[in-house]
C-alpha atoms as a PDB file:
ATOM      1  CA  MET A   1      13.080  -7.112 -93.945  1.00  0.00           C
ATOM      2  CA  ASN A   2      12.051 -10.202 -93.085  1.00  0.00           C
ATOM      3  CA  GLU A   3       9.858 -11.007 -90.029  1.00  0.00           C
ATOM      4  CA  LEU A   4      12.577 -12.680 -87.991  1.00  0.00           C
ATOM      5  CA  LEU A   5      15.128 -10.013 -88.536  1.00  0.00           C
ATOM      6  CA  ALA A   6      12.480  -7.490 -87.741  1.00  0.00           C
ATOM      7  CA  LYS A   7      11.761  -8.774 -84.372  1.00  0.00           C
ATOM      8  CA  LYS A   8      15.601  -9.199 -83.485  1.00  0.00           C
ATOM      9  CA  ASN A   9      16.092  -5.472 -84.609  1.00  0.00           C
ATOM     10  CA  ASP A  10      13.114  -4.353 -82.231  1.00  0.00           C
ATOM     11  CA  ASP A  11      14.426  -6.599 -79.654  1.00  0.00           C
ATOM     12  CA  LEU A  12      18.123  -5.028 -79.775  1.00  0.00           C
ATOM     13  CA  GLY A  13      16.421  -1.567 -79.744  1.00  0.00           C
ATOM     14  CA  ASN A  14      14.395  -2.477 -76.620  1.00  0.00           C
ATOM     15  CA  ILE A  15      17.633  -3.927 -74.914  1.00  0.00           C
ATOM     16  CA  ILE A  16      19.548  -0.861 -75.612  1.00  0.00           C
ATOM     17  CA  LYS A  17      16.604   1.664 -74.689  1.00  0.00           C
ATOM     18  CA  ASN A  18      16.316   0.115 -71.386  1.00  0.00           C
ATOM     19  CA  MET A  19      19.853   0.889 -70.855  1.00  0.00           C
ATOM     20  CA  GLY A  20      19.571   4.715 -70.847  1.00  0.00           C
ATOM     21  CA  ARG A  21      23.072   5.553 -71.434  1.00  0.00           C
ATOM     22  CA  VAL A  22      25.871   3.624 -72.883  1.00  0.00           C
ATOM     23  CA  LEU A  23      29.502   3.456 -73.989  1.00  0.00           C
ATOM     24  CA  VAL A  24      30.172   1.486 -77.078  1.00  0.00           C
ATOM     25  CA  ALA A  25      33.321  -0.172 -77.846  1.00  0.00           C
ATOM     26  CA  PHE A  26      33.873   1.226 -81.444  1.00  0.00           C
ATOM     27  CA  SER A  27      36.310  -0.929 -83.984  1.00  0.00           C
ATOM     28  CA  GLY A  28      34.888   0.442 -87.050  1.00  0.00           C
ATOM     29  CA  GLY A  29      33.941  -3.051 -88.316  1.00  0.00           C
ATOM     30  CA  VAL A  30      30.286  -3.901 -89.382  1.00  0.00           C
ATOM     31  CA  ASP A  31      29.261  -5.552 -85.941  1.00  0.00           C
ATOM     32  CA  SER A  32      30.232  -2.386 -83.933  1.00  0.00           C
ATOM     33  CA  ALA A  33      29.020  -0.167 -86.713  1.00  0.00           C
ATOM     34  CA  LEU A  34      25.444  -1.588 -86.631  1.00  0.00           C
ATOM     35  CA  LEU A  35      25.466  -1.568 -82.851  1.00  0.00           C
ATOM     36  CA  LEU A  36      26.499   2.042 -82.573  1.00  0.00           C
ATOM     37  CA  LYS A  37      23.996   3.317 -85.263  1.00  0.00           C
ATOM     38  CA  ARG A  38      21.080   1.272 -83.381  1.00  0.00           C
ATOM     39  CA  ALA A  39      22.450   2.976 -79.881  1.00  0.00           C
ATOM     40  CA  GLN A  40      22.537   6.370 -81.535  1.00  0.00           C
ATOM     41  CA  GLN A  41      18.915   5.674 -82.993  1.00  0.00           C
ATOM     42  CA  GLU A  42      17.722   4.763 -79.612  1.00  0.00           C
ATOM     43  CA  LEU A  43      19.649   6.716 -77.134  1.00  0.00           C
ATOM     44  CA  GLY A  44      20.551  10.070 -79.184  1.00  0.00           C
ATOM     45  CA  ASP A  45      23.606  11.823 -77.445  1.00  0.00           C
ATOM     46  CA  GLN A  46      23.526   9.458 -74.472  1.00  0.00           C
ATOM     47  CA  VAL A  47      26.223   7.378 -76.293  1.00  0.00           C
ATOM     48  CA  LEU A  48      29.839   7.501 -76.077  1.00  0.00           C
ATOM     49  CA  ALA A  49      31.974   5.669 -78.950  1.00  0.00           C
ATOM     50  CA  VAL A  50      35.480   4.588 -77.666  1.00  0.00           C
ATOM     51  CA  VAL A  51      37.915   3.782 -80.265  1.00  0.00           C
ATOM     52  CA  VAL A  52      41.020   1.912 -79.037  1.00  0.00           C
ATOM     53  CA  HIS A  53      44.471   2.277 -80.671  1.00  0.00           C
ATOM     54  CA  SER A  54      46.270  -1.027 -80.073  1.00  0.00           C
ATOM     55  CA  GLU A  55      49.826  -2.290 -81.009  1.00  0.00           C
ATOM     56  CA  LEU A  56      48.144  -5.279 -82.417  1.00  0.00           C
ATOM     57  CA  PHE A  57      45.699  -3.696 -85.002  1.00  0.00           C
ATOM     58  CA  ARG A  58      46.380  -1.712 -87.978  1.00  0.00           C
ATOM     59  CA  LYS A  59      47.043   2.091 -87.611  1.00  0.00           C
ATOM     60  CA  GLU A  60      44.491   2.342 -90.539  1.00  0.00           C
ATOM     61  CA  GLU A  61      42.006   0.356 -88.680  1.00  0.00           C
ATOM     62  CA  PHE A  62      42.195   2.926 -85.682  1.00  0.00           C
ATOM     63  CA  GLU A  63      41.954   5.781 -88.158  1.00  0.00           C
ATOM     64  CA  GLY A  64      38.976   4.412 -89.774  1.00  0.00           C
ATOM     65  CA  ALA A  65      36.853   3.823 -86.995  1.00  0.00           C
ATOM     66  CA  VAL A  66      37.640   7.212 -85.706  1.00  0.00           C
ATOM     67  CA  LYS A  67      36.843   8.633 -88.868  1.00  0.00           C
ATOM     68  CA  LEU A  68      33.515   6.725 -89.194  1.00  0.00           C
ATOM     69  CA  ALA A  69      32.432   7.668 -85.756  1.00  0.00           C
ATOM     70  CA  GLU A  70      32.876  11.455 -86.707  1.00  0.00           C
ATOM     71  CA  GLU A  71      30.833  10.963 -89.769  1.00  0.00           C
ATOM     72  CA  MET A  72      28.231   9.544 -87.799  1.00  0.00           C
ATOM     73  CA  GLY A  73      28.104  12.460 -85.445  1.00  0.00           C
ATOM     74  CA  VAL A  74      28.317  10.643 -82.116  1.00  0.00           C
ATOM     75  CA  GLN A  75      30.537  11.486 -79.101  1.00  0.00           C
ATOM     76  CA  LEU A  76      33.721   9.944 -79.562  1.00  0.00           C
ATOM     77  CA  LEU A  77      36.668   9.137 -77.127  1.00  0.00           C
ATOM     78  CA  GLN A  78      39.982   7.991 -78.499  1.00  0.00           C
ATOM     79  CA  THR A  79      42.186   5.823 -76.126  1.00  0.00           C
ATOM     80  CA  GLU A  80      45.095   3.190 -76.290  1.00  0.00           C
ATOM     81  CA  ILE A  81      46.133   0.033 -74.699  1.00  0.00           C
ATOM     82  CA  GLN A  82      49.658  -1.473 -74.857  1.00  0.00           C
ATOM     83  CA  GLU A  83      49.207  -5.206 -75.127  1.00  0.00           C
ATOM     84  CA  LEU A  84      52.844  -5.812 -75.350  1.00  0.00           C
ATOM     85  CA  SER A  85      53.388  -4.870 -72.075  1.00  0.00           C
ATOM     86  CA  ASN A  86      51.581  -7.974 -70.403  1.00  0.00           C
ATOM     87  CA  PRO A  87      53.871 -10.897 -70.556  1.00  0.00           C
ATOM     88  CA  HIS A  88      50.730 -13.216 -70.673  1.00  0.00           C
ATOM     89  CA  ILE A  89      49.879 -11.636 -74.014  1.00  0.00           C
ATOM     90  CA  VAL A  90      53.518 -11.628 -75.199  1.00  0.00           C
ATOM     91  CA  ALA A  91      53.637 -15.354 -74.334  1.00  0.00           C
ATOM     92  CA  ASN A  92      51.135 -15.938 -76.852  1.00  0.00           C
ATOM     93  CA  ASN A  93      49.537 -19.240 -75.319  1.00  0.00           C
ATOM     94  CA  PRO A  94      45.832 -19.883 -75.746  1.00  0.00           C
ATOM     95  CA  ASP A  95      44.853 -17.977 -72.914  1.00  0.00           C
ATOM     96  CA  SER A  96      46.423 -14.831 -74.129  1.00  0.00           C
ATOM     97  CA  TRP A  97      43.307 -14.009 -75.850  1.00  0.00           C
ATOM     98  CA  TYR A  98      41.646 -13.870 -72.231  1.00  0.00           C
ATOM     99  CA  HIS A  99      44.174 -11.618 -71.010  1.00  0.00           C
ATOM    100  CA  SER A 100      43.999  -9.274 -74.155  1.00  0.00           C
ATOM    101  CA  LYS A 101      40.408  -9.114 -73.606  1.00  0.00           C
ATOM    102  CA  LYS A 102      40.559  -8.587 -70.179  1.00  0.00           C
ATOM    103  CA  MET A 103      42.929  -5.634 -70.668  1.00  0.00           C
ATOM    104  CA  LEU A 104      40.571  -4.071 -73.097  1.00  0.00           C
ATOM    105  CA  TYR A 105      37.297  -4.568 -70.998  1.00  0.00           C
ATOM    106  CA  SER A 106      38.806  -3.409 -67.670  1.00  0.00           C
ATOM    107  CA  HIS A 107      40.190  -0.174 -69.590  1.00  0.00           C
ATOM    108  CA  LEU A 108      36.694   0.372 -71.216  1.00  0.00           C
ATOM    109  CA  LYS A 109      35.117  -0.139 -67.905  1.00  0.00           C
ATOM    110  CA  GLU A 110      37.304   2.493 -66.180  1.00  0.00           C
ATOM    111  CA  LEU A 111      36.393   5.065 -68.904  1.00  0.00           C
ATOM    112  CA  ALA A 112      32.828   4.305 -68.273  1.00  0.00           C
ATOM    113  CA  MET A 113      33.017   4.931 -64.709  1.00  0.00           C
ATOM    114  CA  GLU A 114      35.138   7.947 -65.264  1.00  0.00           C
ATOM    115  CA  HIS A 115      32.555   9.360 -67.647  1.00  0.00           C
ATOM    116  CA  HIS A 116      29.337   7.956 -65.969  1.00  0.00           C
ATOM    117  CA  TYR A 117      27.863   5.427 -68.342  1.00  0.00           C
ATOM    118  CA  PRO A 118      26.543   2.637 -66.500  1.00  0.00           C
ATOM    119  CA  TYR A 119      26.961   0.149 -69.362  1.00  0.00           C
ATOM    120  CA  VAL A 120      29.795  -0.872 -71.788  1.00  0.00           C
ATOM    121  CA  LEU A 121      28.785  -2.632 -74.944  1.00  0.00           C
ATOM    122  CA  ASP A 122      30.733  -4.791 -77.364  1.00  0.00           C
ATOM    123  CA  GLY A 123      29.972  -6.144 -80.876  1.00  0.00           C
ATOM    124  CA  MET A 124      30.216  -9.860 -80.201  1.00  0.00           C
ATOM    125  CA  ILE A 125      27.584 -11.574 -82.368  1.00  0.00           C
ATOM    126  CA  MET A 126      26.239 -15.290 -82.201  1.00  0.00           C
ATOM    127  CA  ASP A 127      28.840 -16.585 -84.671  1.00  0.00           C
ATOM    128  CA  ASP A 128      31.420 -15.732 -81.989  1.00  0.00           C
ATOM    129  CA  MET A 129      29.827 -18.693 -79.912  1.00  0.00           C
ATOM    130  CA  ASP A 130      31.151 -21.096 -82.388  1.00  0.00           C
ATOM    131  CA  ASP A 131      34.735 -20.797 -82.423  1.00  0.00           C
ATOM    132  CA  PHE A 132      37.371 -20.946 -79.644  1.00  0.00           C
ATOM    133  CA  ARG A 133      36.862 -17.366 -77.715  1.00  0.00           C
ATOM    134  CA  PRO A 134      38.508 -17.263 -74.223  1.00  0.00           C
ATOM    135  CA  GLY A 135      37.729 -13.605 -74.657  1.00  0.00           C
ATOM    136  CA  LEU A 136      34.273 -14.423 -73.836  1.00  0.00           C
ATOM    137  CA  LYS A 137      35.299 -15.347 -70.051  1.00  0.00           C
ATOM    138  CA  ALA A 138      36.691 -11.894 -69.965  1.00  0.00           C
ATOM    139  CA  ARG A 139      33.562 -10.168 -71.179  1.00  0.00           C
ATOM    140  CA  THR A 140      31.592 -12.053 -68.638  1.00  0.00           C
ATOM    141  CA  GLU A 141      33.838 -11.290 -65.804  1.00  0.00           C
ATOM    142  CA  GLU A 142      34.061  -7.678 -66.744  1.00  0.00           C
ATOM    143  CA  GLY A 143      30.239  -7.153 -66.875  1.00  0.00           C
ATOM    144  CA  ILE A 144      30.247  -6.187 -70.562  1.00  0.00           C
ATOM    145  CA  ARG A 145      27.102  -6.646 -72.384  1.00  0.00           C
ATOM    146  CA  SER A 146      27.019  -8.368 -76.049  1.00  0.00           C
ATOM    147  CA  VAL A 147      23.521  -6.889 -76.981  1.00  0.00           C
ATOM    148  CA  LEU A 148      23.806  -8.276 -80.731  1.00  0.00           C
ATOM    149  CA  GLN A 149      24.293 -11.647 -79.105  1.00  0.00           C
ATOM    150  CA  GLU A 150      21.527 -10.946 -76.682  1.00  0.00           C
ATOM    151  CA  ALA A 151      19.132 -10.375 -79.612  1.00  0.00           C
ATOM    152  CA  GLY A 152      20.239 -13.458 -81.365  1.00  0.00           C
ATOM    153  CA  LEU A 153      22.060 -11.643 -84.402  1.00  0.00           C
ATOM    154  CA  TYR A 154      24.147 -13.780 -86.733  1.00  0.00           C
ATOM    155  CA  LYS A 155      26.803 -12.117 -89.026  1.00  0.00           C
ATOM    156  CA  HIS A 156      24.682 -12.378 -92.133  1.00  0.00           C
ATOM    157  CA  GLU A 157      21.649 -10.755 -90.658  1.00  0.00           C
ATOM    158  CA  VAL A 158      24.075  -8.098 -89.169  1.00  0.00           C
ATOM    159  CA  ARG A 159      25.251  -7.189 -92.658  1.00  0.00           C
ATOM    160  CA  GLU A 160      21.624  -7.372 -93.985  1.00  0.00           C
ATOM    161  CA  LEU A 161      20.489  -4.961 -91.379  1.00  0.00           C
ATOM    162  CA  ALA A 162      23.664  -2.609 -91.501  1.00  0.00           C
ATOM    163  CA  GLU A 163      22.889  -2.317 -95.131  1.00  0.00           C
ATOM    164  CA  LEU A 164      19.195  -1.549 -94.761  1.00  0.00           C
ATOM    165  CA  LEU A 165      20.290   1.217 -92.333  1.00  0.00           C
ATOM    166  CA  SER A 166      22.848   2.594 -94.605  1.00  0.00           C
ATOM    167  CA  VAL A 167      25.659   1.787 -92.514  1.00  0.00           C
ATOM    168  CA  PRO A 168      28.827   2.491 -94.914  1.00  0.00           C
ATOM    169  CA  VAL A 169      30.807  -0.604 -93.776  1.00  0.00           C
ATOM    170  CA  TRP A 170      27.857  -3.094 -94.096  1.00  0.00           C
ATOM    171  CA  ASN A 171      30.143  -5.296 -96.575  1.00  0.00           C
ATOM    172  CA  LYS A 172      33.523  -4.697 -94.975  1.00  0.00           C
ATOM    173  CA  PRO A 173      35.682  -7.874 -94.664  1.00  0.00           C
ATOM    174  CA  ALA A 174      36.321  -9.014 -90.989  1.00  0.00           C
ATOM    175  CA  SER A 175      39.530  -7.943 -89.294  1.00  0.00           C
ATOM    176  CA  CYS A 176      41.107  -9.304 -86.155  1.00  0.00           C
ATOM    177  CA  SER A 177      44.339  -8.871 -84.089  1.00  0.00           C
ATOM    178  CA  LEU A 178      47.461  -9.310 -85.995  1.00  0.00           C
ATOM    179  CA  ALA A 179      48.701 -11.630 -83.032  1.00  0.00           C
ATOM    180  CA  SER A 180      46.117 -13.994 -84.514  1.00  0.00           C
ATOM    181  CA  ARG A 181      48.724 -14.608 -87.516  1.00  0.00           C
ATOM    182  CA  ILE A 182      51.407 -15.904 -84.991  1.00  0.00           C
ATOM    183  CA  PRO A 183      51.117 -19.531 -83.837  1.00  0.00           C
ATOM    184  CA  TYR A 184      50.441 -20.383 -80.019  1.00  0.00           C
ATOM    185  CA  GLY A 185      53.670 -20.798 -78.119  1.00  0.00           C
ATOM    186  CA  ILE A 186      55.750 -18.233 -80.387  1.00  0.00           C
ATOM    187  CA  LYS A 187      56.260 -15.074 -78.564  1.00  0.00           C
ATOM    188  CA  ILE A 188      54.779 -11.681 -79.999  1.00  0.00           C
ATOM    189  CA  ASP A 189      56.848  -8.950 -80.862  1.00  0.00           C
ATOM    190  CA  HIS A 190      56.919  -5.694 -82.784  1.00  0.00           C
ATOM    191  CA  LYS A 191      59.054  -7.290 -85.586  1.00  0.00           C
ATOM    192  CA  LYS A 192      56.524 -10.069 -86.195  1.00  0.00           C
ATOM    193  CA  ILE A 193      53.644  -8.020 -85.842  1.00  0.00           C
ATOM    194  CA  ASP A 194      55.232  -5.448 -88.396  1.00  0.00           C
ATOM    195  CA  GLN A 195      55.988  -8.087 -90.747  1.00  0.00           C
ATOM    196  CA  VAL A 196      52.651  -9.731 -91.069  1.00  0.00           C
ATOM    197  CA  ASN A 197      51.144  -6.099 -91.274  1.00  0.00           C
ATOM    198  CA  LYS A 198      53.139  -4.971 -94.168  1.00  0.00           C
ATOM    199  CA  ALA A 199      53.020  -8.227 -96.053  1.00  0.00           C
ATOM    200  CA  GLU A 200      49.085  -8.130 -95.843  1.00  0.00           C
ATOM    201  CA  ILE A 201      48.842  -4.588 -96.650  1.00  0.00           C
ATOM    202  CA  PHE A 202      51.037  -5.395-100.079  1.00  0.00           C
ATOM    203  CA  LEU A 203      48.927  -8.136-100.863  1.00  0.00           C
ATOM    204  CA  MET A 204      45.721  -6.210-100.785  1.00  0.00           C
ATOM    205  CA  LYS A 205      47.185  -3.412-102.573  1.00  0.00           C
ATOM    206  CA  ILE A 206      47.566  -5.959-105.589  1.00  0.00           C
ATOM    207  CA  GLY A 207      43.929  -6.491-105.443  1.00  0.00           C
ATOM    208  CA  LEU A 208      43.276  -9.605-102.853  1.00  0.00           C
ATOM    209  CA  SER A 209      40.237  -8.661-101.064  1.00  0.00           C
ATOM    210  CA  THR A 210      40.712 -10.749 -98.073  1.00  0.00           C
ATOM    211  CA  VAL A 211      44.160 -12.102 -96.936  1.00  0.00           C
ATOM    212  CA  ARG A 212      45.910 -13.825 -94.085  1.00  0.00           C
ATOM    213  CA  VAL A 213      49.790 -14.087 -93.649  1.00  0.00           C
ATOM    214  CA  ARG A 214      50.394 -16.455 -90.838  1.00  0.00           C
ATOM    215  CA  HIS A 215      53.949 -16.029 -89.441  1.00  0.00           C
ATOM    216  CA  HIS A 216      55.731 -19.495 -89.265  1.00  0.00           C
ATOM    217  CA  GLY A 217      59.280 -18.179 -88.619  1.00  0.00           C
ATOM    218  CA  GLU A 218      61.184 -17.974 -91.917  1.00  0.00           C
ATOM    219  CA  VAL A 219      57.651 -19.071 -93.700  1.00  0.00           C
ATOM    220  CA  ALA A 220      55.153 -16.787 -94.527  1.00  0.00           C
ATOM    221  CA  ARG A 221      51.880 -18.788 -95.135  1.00  0.00           C
ATOM    222  CA  ILE A 222      49.370 -17.027 -97.189  1.00  0.00           C
ATOM    223  CA  GLU A 223      45.551 -17.701 -96.696  1.00  0.00           C
ATOM    224  CA  VAL A 224      43.244 -16.139 -99.621  1.00  0.00           C
ATOM    225  CA  LYS A 225      39.774 -17.009-100.867  1.00  0.00           C
ATOM    226  CA  PRO A 226      39.891 -19.990-103.022  1.00  0.00           C
ATOM    227  CA  GLU A 227      38.529 -17.823-106.044  1.00  0.00           C
ATOM    228  CA  GLU A 228      41.403 -15.412-105.546  1.00  0.00           C
ATOM    229  CA  MET A 229      44.215 -17.900-105.905  1.00  0.00           C
ATOM    230  CA  PRO A 230      44.757 -17.676-109.550  1.00  0.00           C
ATOM    231  CA  LEU A 231      45.518 -13.777-108.902  1.00  0.00           C
ATOM    232  CA  LEU A 232      47.928 -14.627-106.266  1.00  0.00           C
ATOM    233  CA  LEU A 233      49.647 -17.157-108.547  1.00  0.00           C
ATOM    234  CA  LYS A 234      49.783 -14.643-111.422  1.00  0.00           C
ATOM    235  CA  GLN A 235      51.891 -12.478-109.164  1.00  0.00           C
ATOM    236  CA  ASN A 236      53.795 -14.942-107.511  1.00  0.00           C
ATOM    237  CA  GLU A 237      57.323 -13.763-108.461  1.00  0.00           C
ATOM    238  CA  MET A 238      56.526 -10.179-107.347  1.00  0.00           C
ATOM    239  CA  ILE A 239      54.869 -11.580-104.123  1.00  0.00           C
ATOM    240  CA  TYR A 240      57.843 -13.657-103.308  1.00  0.00           C
ATOM    241  CA  GLN A 241      60.442 -10.676-103.787  1.00  0.00           C
ATOM    242  CA  GLU A 242      58.372  -8.656-101.460  1.00  0.00           C
ATOM    243  CA  LEU A 243      57.968 -10.778 -98.791  1.00  0.00           C
ATOM    244  CA  VAL A 244      61.528 -11.752 -98.772  1.00  0.00           C
ATOM    245  CA  LEU A 245      62.523  -8.419 -98.323  1.00  0.00           C
ATOM    246  CA  LEU A 246      60.267  -8.357 -95.389  1.00  0.00           C
ATOM    247  CA  GLY A 247      62.371 -10.953 -93.707  1.00  0.00           C
ATOM    248  CA  PHE A 248      60.716 -14.257 -94.775  1.00  0.00           C
ATOM    249  CA  SER A 249      62.717 -17.070 -96.446  1.00  0.00           C
ATOM    250  CA  TYR A 250      59.863 -19.169 -97.770  1.00  0.00           C
ATOM    251  CA  ILE A 251      56.638 -18.408 -99.167  1.00  0.00           C
ATOM    252  CA  ALA A 252      53.783 -20.851 -99.146  1.00  0.00           C
ATOM    253  CA  ILE A 253      49.992 -20.713-100.247  1.00  0.00           C
ATOM    254  CA  ASP A 254      47.674 -22.308 -97.984  1.00  0.00           C
ATOM    255  CA  LEU A 255      45.330 -24.919 -99.986  1.00  0.00           C
ATOM    256  CA  LEU A 256      42.361 -24.718 -98.028  1.00  0.00           C
ATOM    257  CA  GLY A 257      42.328 -20.875 -98.389  1.00  0.00           C
ATOM    258  CA  TYR A 258      41.271 -18.329 -95.912  1.00  0.00           C
ATOM    259  CA  ARG A 259      39.214 -19.302 -92.767  1.00  0.00           C
ATOM    260  CA  THR A 260      38.623 -17.396 -89.734  1.00  0.00           C
ATOM    261  CA  GLY A 261      40.494 -18.905 -86.691  1.00  0.00           C
ATOM    262  CA  SER A 262      42.867 -21.277 -88.551  1.00  0.00           C
ATOM    263  CA  MET A 263      45.542 -21.190 -85.934  1.00  0.00           C
ATOM    264  CA  ASN A 264      43.110 -22.819 -83.649  1.00  0.00           C
ATOM    265  CA  GLU A 265      42.751 -25.867 -85.511  1.00  0.00           C
ATOM    266  CA  VAL A 266      45.780 -27.161 -83.975  1.00  0.00           C
ATOM    267  CA  LEU A 267      44.060 -27.115 -80.466  1.00  0.00           C
ATOM    268  CA  HIS A 268      42.473 -30.427 -79.155  1.00  0.00           C
ATOM    269  CA  GLU A 269      39.092 -29.851 -77.499  1.00  0.00           C
ATOM    270  CA  ASP A 270      40.326 -30.532 -73.987  1.00  0.00           C
ATOM    271  CA  SER A 271      42.919 -27.484 -74.537  1.00  0.00           C
ATOM    272  CA  LYS A 272      39.897 -25.218 -75.867  1.00  0.00           C
ATOM    273  CA  ALA A 273      37.791 -26.316 -72.761  1.00  0.00           C
ATOM    274  CA  ALA A 274      40.442 -25.664 -70.208  1.00  0.00           C
ATOM    275  CA  TYR A 275      40.981 -22.106 -71.573  1.00  0.00           C
ATOM    276  CA  SER A 276      37.500 -20.954 -72.499  1.00  0.00           C
ATOM    277  CA  ASN A 277      35.234 -21.638 -69.460  1.00  0.00           C
ATOM    278  CA  VAL A 278      32.526 -19.599 -71.246  1.00  0.00           C
ATOM    279  CA  VAL A 279      29.715 -18.504 -69.376  1.00  0.00           C
ATOM    280  CA  SER A 280      26.611 -18.749 -71.499  1.00  0.00           C
ATOM    281  CA  LEU A 281      24.043 -15.496 -72.108  1.00  0.00           C
END
C-alpha cells in the first residue's frame, strides 16, 4: 500500500472510530463493502448493515448484498422502499434523483433512530462529485455521512484497498438504479423497468461484462465496453430476436460505448445547477 493510500485508510478508520456506533447503507457494491469492512474492523458489533430492497434495482443485487453481509458476520437488517409510489420519482425529471435519495435517506434515518444508531453512513466516493448528483443535496439535508469522501477516496483507491483487505467484491462492476436507463421526462413504470432488466440480464448471460440498455420507447440503445462490441455484433441476430420479444422494435448499438451517466449528457449546465445545489463537505 502506498503512503497516500495508507494515510487515507488511517483517516477513514479514525473518522469511523470516533463515531462509536453506525448504521451502514449496504448495497453490496465495492464502495459500501469497503465501508462496511472498515466499520466492522473499527467498531466490531457496533455496526448495523441495512440492505434495502427497491423496485428500481435488481432482485439479484439485493440478494447478493444480503448474502455478502451474512458472510462478513455483521448485524444485518433487511428493509424495502417503494419508489414508484412517489409521483416525483415516477415523473423522471432530473430532480427525481433527489426525491429517490430523499426517500432512501429519510427511511434509513428512521431505522437508525429506532435501533439507536447515531450515525448513518453511505458509500459515496470522491468520483461522485464529478457527475450530476442531485442526491448529494438529499444526503446533506438528512445528515448522512459519506465517510469515504471525507477520507478523500477515489474509485481506483477503493478497489485497491478493498483488494488488500480481501473484500470479495473488490472488482465488481458498478451498478445503479434501473431508472437511469430511461430518458428524462419519460415516466417510469414497472413495464419499462422490467424490459431493461431482462434485456441486460440476457446480454450479461452471453458474456458481456458491463452493459446498459437505454430505453427509448420502441428503441433499445445498447452500451457495452468498446472492446466487447465484436461479441455484441457476433451475436446480433440472437440479441435482436430476444429484445424484440421483450417489446422493443428497434435495437441500436451506442458507438461511444458504455459510460456512466450517459443520460445526463443531454442536460445543460444551467439545468444541472438548478437541480443539484450541492453542499460541499
